[in-house]
Amino acid sequence: MTHRPLVALAAVLVFSLPISAAQAQGTPTPDAPRQAAIGELDCRTLLRLSGDERDFTILYLHGFVSGRINQQLLPVKGLAEATDRLIDGCIDKPADKALGVLEQVRGVRK
């Protein structure tokens, strides 16, 4: 009994696996998170986030703005008030970009 058909089949399988794995890595799935620029986040999307996800997103936006203006001290009361004004501004104009609204309520010039 010759093993040539088995060897040929094994060779085809071995050489086809890396190709299919590489193709699968390059194909995004619908469930994969999408990377987005921070300036793309609109108020409607921010308001639809829930719980910790919204809190962390607002915290990230504050950190981004603070870094942009080289603010190294965190005025907690001022940031809390700015957060309230951000939410109010987003409710009033849900199509606006959240970063722009936050910069406006914190008095940051672009």
N, C-alpha and C. Protein backbone atom coordinates (compact mmCIF):
# COMPACT_ATOMS: atom_id res chain seq x y z
N MET A 1 0.84 -1.18 0.00
CA MET A 1 0.00 0.00 0.00
C MET A 1 0.88 1.24 0.00
N THR A 2 0.58 2.14 -0.88
CA THR A 2 1.37 3.36 -1.01
C THR A 2 0.72 4.50 -0.24
N HIS A 3 1.53 5.38 0.31
CA HIS A 3 1.06 6.48 1.13
C HIS A 3 1.06 7.82 0.38
N ARG A 4 1.27 7.75 -0.91
CA ARG A 4 1.33 9.00 -1.69
C ARG A 4 0.06 9.83 -1.61
N PRO A 5 -1.13 9.25 -1.71
CA PRO A 5 -2.33 10.08 -1.61
C PRO A 5 -2.45 10.75 -0.25
N LEU A 6 -2.09 10.07 0.80
CA LEU A 6 -2.16 10.66 2.13
C LEU A 6 -1.14 11.78 2.30
N VAL A 7 0.05 11.58 1.78
CA VAL A 7 1.10 12.60 1.86
C VAL A 7 0.68 13.83 1.06
N ALA A 8 0.13 13.60 -0.10
CA ALA A 8 -0.32 14.72 -0.93
C ALA A 8 -1.45 15.49 -0.24
N LEU A 9 -2.39 14.78 0.34
CA LEU A 9 -3.48 15.43 1.06
C LEU A 9 -2.96 16.21 2.26
N ALA A 10 -2.04 15.62 3.00
CA ALA A 10 -1.46 16.30 4.16
C ALA A 10 -0.71 17.56 3.72
N ALA A 11 0.01 17.49 2.62
CA ALA A 11 0.75 18.66 2.12
C ALA A 11 -0.21 19.78 1.72
N VAL A 12 -1.30 19.43 1.06
CA VAL A 12 -2.29 20.43 0.67
C VAL A 12 -2.89 21.09 1.90
N LEU A 13 -3.23 20.32 2.91
CA LEU A 13 -3.81 20.87 4.13
C LEU A 13 -2.84 21.77 4.86
N VAL A 14 -1.60 21.34 4.98
CA VAL A 14 -0.59 22.12 5.70
C VAL A 14 -0.33 23.45 5.01
N PHE A 15 -0.23 23.44 3.70
CA PHE A 15 0.08 24.68 2.99
C PHE A 15 -1.13 25.58 2.82
N SER A 16 -2.33 25.06 2.94
CA SER A 16 -3.52 25.89 2.78
C SER A 16 -3.93 26.56 4.10
N LEU A 17 -3.55 26.01 5.23
CA LEU A 17 -3.94 26.59 6.52
C LEU A 17 -3.40 28.00 6.73
N PRO A 18 -2.11 28.27 6.53
CA PRO A 18 -1.63 29.64 6.76
C PRO A 18 -2.30 30.65 5.83
N ILE A 19 -2.62 30.25 4.62
CA ILE A 19 -3.26 31.18 3.68
C ILE A 19 -4.66 31.53 4.16
N SER A 20 -5.44 30.53 4.58
CA SER A 20 -6.79 30.82 5.04
C SER A 20 -6.78 31.60 6.35
N ALA A 21 -5.81 31.34 7.22
CA ALA A 21 -5.71 32.10 8.47
C ALA A 21 -5.37 33.55 8.19
N ALA A 22 -4.46 33.78 7.23
CA ALA A 22 -4.11 35.16 6.88
C ALA A 22 -5.29 35.89 6.26
N GLN A 23 -6.07 35.20 5.45
CA GLN A 23 -7.24 35.83 4.86
C GLN A 23 -8.28 36.15 5.93
N ALA A 24 -8.44 35.27 6.90
CA ALA A 24 -9.43 35.49 7.95
C ALA A 24 -9.05 36.68 8.83
N GLN A 25 -7.76 36.91 9.05
CA GLN A 25 -7.32 38.03 9.87
C GLN A 25 -7.58 39.36 9.18
N GLY A 26 -7.52 39.39 7.87
CA GLY A 26 -7.71 40.63 7.14
C GLY A 26 -9.16 41.01 6.92
N THR A 27 -10.08 40.10 7.19
CA THR A 27 -11.49 40.35 6.96
C THR A 27 -12.15 40.79 8.26
N PRO A 28 -12.61 42.05 8.31
CA PRO A 28 -13.26 42.49 9.55
C PRO A 28 -14.62 41.81 9.72
N THR A 29 -14.95 41.51 10.94
CA THR A 29 -16.24 40.92 11.24
C THR A 29 -17.20 42.02 11.70
N PRO A 30 -18.49 41.80 11.56
CA PRO A 30 -19.44 42.83 11.99
C PRO A 30 -19.36 43.15 13.48
N ASP A 31 -18.92 42.19 14.29
CA ASP A 31 -18.84 42.40 15.73
C ASP A 31 -17.55 43.06 16.17
N ALA A 32 -16.57 43.18 15.27
CA ALA A 32 -15.29 43.76 15.64
C ALA A 32 -15.44 45.25 15.92
N PRO A 33 -14.82 45.75 17.01
CA PRO A 33 -14.93 47.18 17.29
C PRO A 33 -14.24 48.00 16.22
N ARG A 34 -14.82 49.12 15.89
CA ARG A 34 -14.29 50.00 14.86
C ARG A 34 -13.48 51.09 15.53
N GLN A 35 -12.35 51.41 14.95
CA GLN A 35 -11.56 52.52 15.47
C GLN A 35 -12.11 53.80 14.86
N ALA A 36 -12.26 54.79 15.71
CA ALA A 36 -12.80 56.06 15.24
C ALA A 36 -11.96 57.19 15.82
N ALA A 37 -11.87 58.27 15.07
CA ALA A 37 -11.18 59.45 15.56
C ALA A 37 -12.01 60.07 16.68
N ILE A 38 -11.34 60.63 17.65
CA ILE A 38 -12.04 61.19 18.81
C ILE A 38 -12.98 62.32 18.39
N GLY A 39 -12.64 63.04 17.34
CA GLY A 39 -13.47 64.13 16.87
C GLY A 39 -14.73 63.67 16.14
N GLU A 40 -14.85 62.38 15.84
CA GLU A 40 -16.02 61.86 15.13
C GLU A 40 -17.20 61.56 16.06
N LEU A 41 -16.95 61.45 17.35
CA LEU A 41 -18.01 61.07 18.29
C LEU A 41 -19.03 62.19 18.40
N ASP A 42 -20.26 61.88 18.00
CA ASP A 42 -21.30 62.91 18.11
C ASP A 42 -22.05 62.77 19.43
N CYS A 43 -22.76 63.82 19.77
CA CYS A 43 -23.48 63.86 21.05
C CYS A 43 -24.53 62.76 21.15
N ARG A 44 -25.20 62.46 20.06
CA ARG A 44 -26.23 61.42 20.09
C ARG A 44 -25.63 60.09 20.52
N THR A 45 -24.48 59.76 19.96
CA THR A 45 -23.81 58.51 20.31
C THR A 45 -23.37 58.53 21.76
N LEU A 46 -22.83 59.65 22.21
CA LEU A 46 -22.40 59.78 23.60
C LEU A 46 -23.57 59.57 24.55
N LEU A 47 -24.70 60.18 24.23
CA LEU A 47 -25.87 60.06 25.11
C LEU A 47 -26.45 58.65 25.11
N ARG A 48 -26.25 57.91 24.05
CA ARG A 48 -26.77 56.53 23.98
C ARG A 48 -25.91 55.54 24.74
N LEU A 49 -24.68 55.92 25.06
CA LEU A 49 -23.83 55.05 25.85
C LEU A 49 -24.42 54.93 27.25
N SER A 50 -24.17 53.81 27.89
CA SER A 50 -24.77 53.63 29.21
C SER A 50 -23.71 53.39 30.27
N GLY A 51 -24.01 53.79 31.48
CA GLY A 51 -23.20 53.48 32.64
C GLY A 51 -21.74 53.82 32.51
N ASP A 52 -20.91 52.81 32.81
CA ASP A 52 -19.46 53.01 32.82
C ASP A 52 -18.92 53.42 31.45
N GLU A 53 -19.53 52.92 30.39
CA GLU A 53 -19.04 53.25 29.05
C GLU A 53 -19.14 54.75 28.79
N ARG A 54 -20.26 55.36 29.18
CA ARG A 54 -20.41 56.81 29.02
C ARG A 54 -19.44 57.54 29.95
N ASP A 55 -19.34 57.09 31.20
CA ASP A 55 -18.45 57.75 32.15
C ASP A 55 -17.00 57.72 31.68
N PHE A 56 -16.55 56.56 31.21
CA PHE A 56 -15.17 56.45 30.74
C PHE A 56 -14.94 57.27 29.47
N THR A 57 -15.93 57.34 28.62
CA THR A 57 -15.80 58.14 27.40
C THR A 57 -15.69 59.62 27.74
N ILE A 58 -16.51 60.10 28.66
CA ILE A 58 -16.43 61.50 29.08
C ILE A 58 -15.10 61.77 29.78
N LEU A 59 -14.66 60.83 30.61
CA LEU A 59 -13.36 60.98 31.27
C LEU A 59 -12.24 61.07 30.23
N TYR A 60 -12.32 60.23 29.21
CA TYR A 60 -11.31 60.27 28.14
C TYR A 60 -11.33 61.61 27.42
N LEU A 61 -12.53 62.12 27.13
CA LEU A 61 -12.64 63.43 26.47
C LEU A 61 -12.03 64.52 27.33
N HIS A 62 -12.31 64.50 28.63
CA HIS A 62 -11.71 65.49 29.54
C HIS A 62 -10.19 65.37 29.52
N GLY A 63 -9.68 64.15 29.56
CA GLY A 63 -8.23 63.96 29.52
C GLY A 63 -7.63 64.46 28.22
N PHE A 64 -8.32 64.22 27.12
CA PHE A 64 -7.84 64.68 25.82
C PHE A 64 -7.75 66.21 25.79
N VAL A 65 -8.82 66.87 26.25
CA VAL A 65 -8.84 68.33 26.27
C VAL A 65 -7.78 68.86 27.24
N SER A 66 -7.66 68.25 28.40
CA SER A 66 -6.66 68.70 29.38
C SER A 66 -5.25 68.56 28.82
N GLY A 67 -5.00 67.47 28.11
CA GLY A 67 -3.69 67.29 27.48
C GLY A 67 -3.44 68.31 26.38
N ARG A 68 -4.46 68.62 25.63
CA ARG A 68 -4.33 69.59 24.54
C ARG A 68 -3.94 70.97 25.06
N ILE A 69 -4.49 71.34 26.24
CA ILE A 69 -4.19 72.67 26.79
C ILE A 69 -3.09 72.62 27.85
N ASN A 70 -2.45 71.45 27.98
CA ASN A 70 -1.35 71.24 28.92
C ASN A 70 -1.78 71.52 30.36
N GLN A 71 -2.96 71.12 30.71
CA GLN A 71 -3.48 71.29 32.07
C GLN A 71 -3.05 70.09 32.90
N GLN A 72 -2.24 70.33 33.91
CA GLN A 72 -1.71 69.23 34.70
C GLN A 72 -2.41 69.08 36.05
N LEU A 73 -3.20 70.07 36.46
CA LEU A 73 -3.99 69.97 37.68
C LEU A 73 -5.44 69.73 37.29
N LEU A 74 -6.13 68.95 38.08
CA LEU A 74 -7.51 68.62 37.76
C LEU A 74 -8.46 69.32 38.74
N PRO A 75 -9.08 70.39 38.29
CA PRO A 75 -10.07 71.05 39.14
C PRO A 75 -11.37 70.23 39.14
N VAL A 76 -11.54 69.39 40.14
CA VAL A 76 -12.63 68.42 40.16
C VAL A 76 -13.99 69.10 40.03
N LYS A 77 -14.21 70.16 40.79
CA LYS A 77 -15.50 70.83 40.74
C LYS A 77 -15.74 71.42 39.34
N GLY A 78 -14.74 72.02 38.77
CA GLY A 78 -14.86 72.59 37.42
C GLY A 78 -15.13 71.54 36.36
N LEU A 79 -14.48 70.39 36.49
CA LEU A 79 -14.71 69.31 35.52
C LEU A 79 -16.10 68.73 35.68
N ALA A 80 -16.59 68.63 36.91
CA ALA A 80 -17.95 68.12 37.13
C ALA A 80 -18.97 69.07 36.52
N GLU A 81 -18.76 70.38 36.69
CA GLU A 81 -19.67 71.36 36.10
C GLU A 81 -19.60 71.31 34.57
N ALA A 82 -18.39 71.15 34.04
CA ALA A 82 -18.23 71.05 32.59
C ALA A 82 -18.92 69.80 32.05
N THR A 83 -18.88 68.72 32.81
CA THR A 83 -19.56 67.49 32.40
C THR A 83 -21.06 67.71 32.34
N ASP A 84 -21.61 68.39 33.36
CA ASP A 84 -23.05 68.69 33.34
C ASP A 84 -23.41 69.55 32.14
N ARG A 85 -22.57 70.55 31.83
CA ARG A 85 -22.84 71.41 30.68
C ARG A 85 -22.68 70.65 29.37
N LEU A 86 -21.74 69.69 29.33
CA LEU A 86 -21.58 68.84 28.15
C LEU A 86 -22.85 68.04 27.90
N ILE A 87 -23.38 67.41 28.92
CA ILE A 87 -24.60 66.61 28.78
C ILE A 87 -25.75 67.50 28.33
N ASP A 88 -25.91 68.67 28.97
CA ASP A 88 -26.98 69.60 28.58
C ASP A 88 -26.83 70.04 27.12
N GLY A 89 -25.58 70.37 26.73
CA GLY A 89 -25.33 70.78 25.35
C GLY A 89 -25.61 69.67 24.35
N CYS A 90 -25.30 68.45 24.74
CA CYS A 90 -25.55 67.32 23.86
C CYS A 90 -27.05 67.03 23.74
N ILE A 91 -27.79 67.24 24.81
CA ILE A 91 -29.24 67.06 24.75
C ILE A 91 -29.85 68.10 23.82
N ASP A 92 -29.34 69.34 23.90
CA ASP A 92 -29.87 70.42 23.06
C ASP A 92 -29.53 70.24 21.59
N LYS A 93 -28.31 69.75 21.31
CA LYS A 93 -27.86 69.60 19.92
C LYS A 93 -27.18 68.25 19.74
N PRO A 94 -27.96 67.19 19.57
CA PRO A 94 -27.39 65.85 19.49
C PRO A 94 -26.53 65.58 18.25
N ALA A 95 -26.64 66.39 17.23
CA ALA A 95 -25.84 66.17 16.03
C ALA A 95 -24.44 66.77 16.16
N ASP A 96 -24.21 67.62 17.15
CA ASP A 96 -22.90 68.25 17.33
C ASP A 96 -21.88 67.21 17.78
N LYS A 97 -20.62 67.50 17.54
CA LYS A 97 -19.54 66.62 17.97
C LYS A 97 -19.28 66.84 19.45
N ALA A 98 -19.17 65.76 20.20
CA ALA A 98 -19.01 65.84 21.65
C ALA A 98 -17.74 66.58 22.04
N LEU A 99 -16.66 66.36 21.32
CA LEU A 99 -15.40 67.03 21.63
C LEU A 99 -15.54 68.54 21.47
N GLY A 100 -16.19 68.96 20.41
CA GLY A 100 -16.40 70.40 20.20
C GLY A 100 -17.24 71.02 21.29
N VAL A 101 -18.28 70.32 21.71
CA VAL A 101 -19.14 70.83 22.79
C VAL A 101 -18.34 70.94 24.08
N LEU A 102 -17.55 69.91 24.39
CA LEU A 102 -16.75 69.94 25.62
C LEU A 102 -15.72 71.06 25.57
N GLU A 103 -15.08 71.24 24.43
CA GLU A 103 -14.11 72.35 24.32
C GLU A 103 -14.80 73.68 24.52
N GLN A 104 -15.99 73.81 24.01
CA GLN A 104 -16.74 75.06 24.16
C GLN A 104 -17.11 75.30 25.63
N VAL A 105 -17.62 74.28 26.31
CA VAL A 105 -18.03 74.49 27.71
C VAL A 105 -16.84 74.66 28.63
N ARG A 106 -15.68 74.14 28.25
CA ARG A 106 -14.47 74.34 29.06
C ARG A 106 -13.71 75.59 28.65
N GLY A 107 -14.18 76.29 27.64
CA GLY A 107 -13.55 77.53 27.24
C GLY A 107 -12.23 77.36 26.51
N VAL A 108 -12.09 76.28 25.79
CA VAL A 108 -10.86 76.01 25.05
C VAL A 108 -10.98 76.57 23.66
N ARG A 109 -9.97 77.30 23.25
CA ARG A 109 -9.95 77.84 21.88
C ARG A 109 -9.25 76.84 20.99
N LYS A 110 -9.82 76.62 19.82
CA LYS A 110 -9.23 75.67 18.86
C LYS A 110 -8.08 76.30 18.11
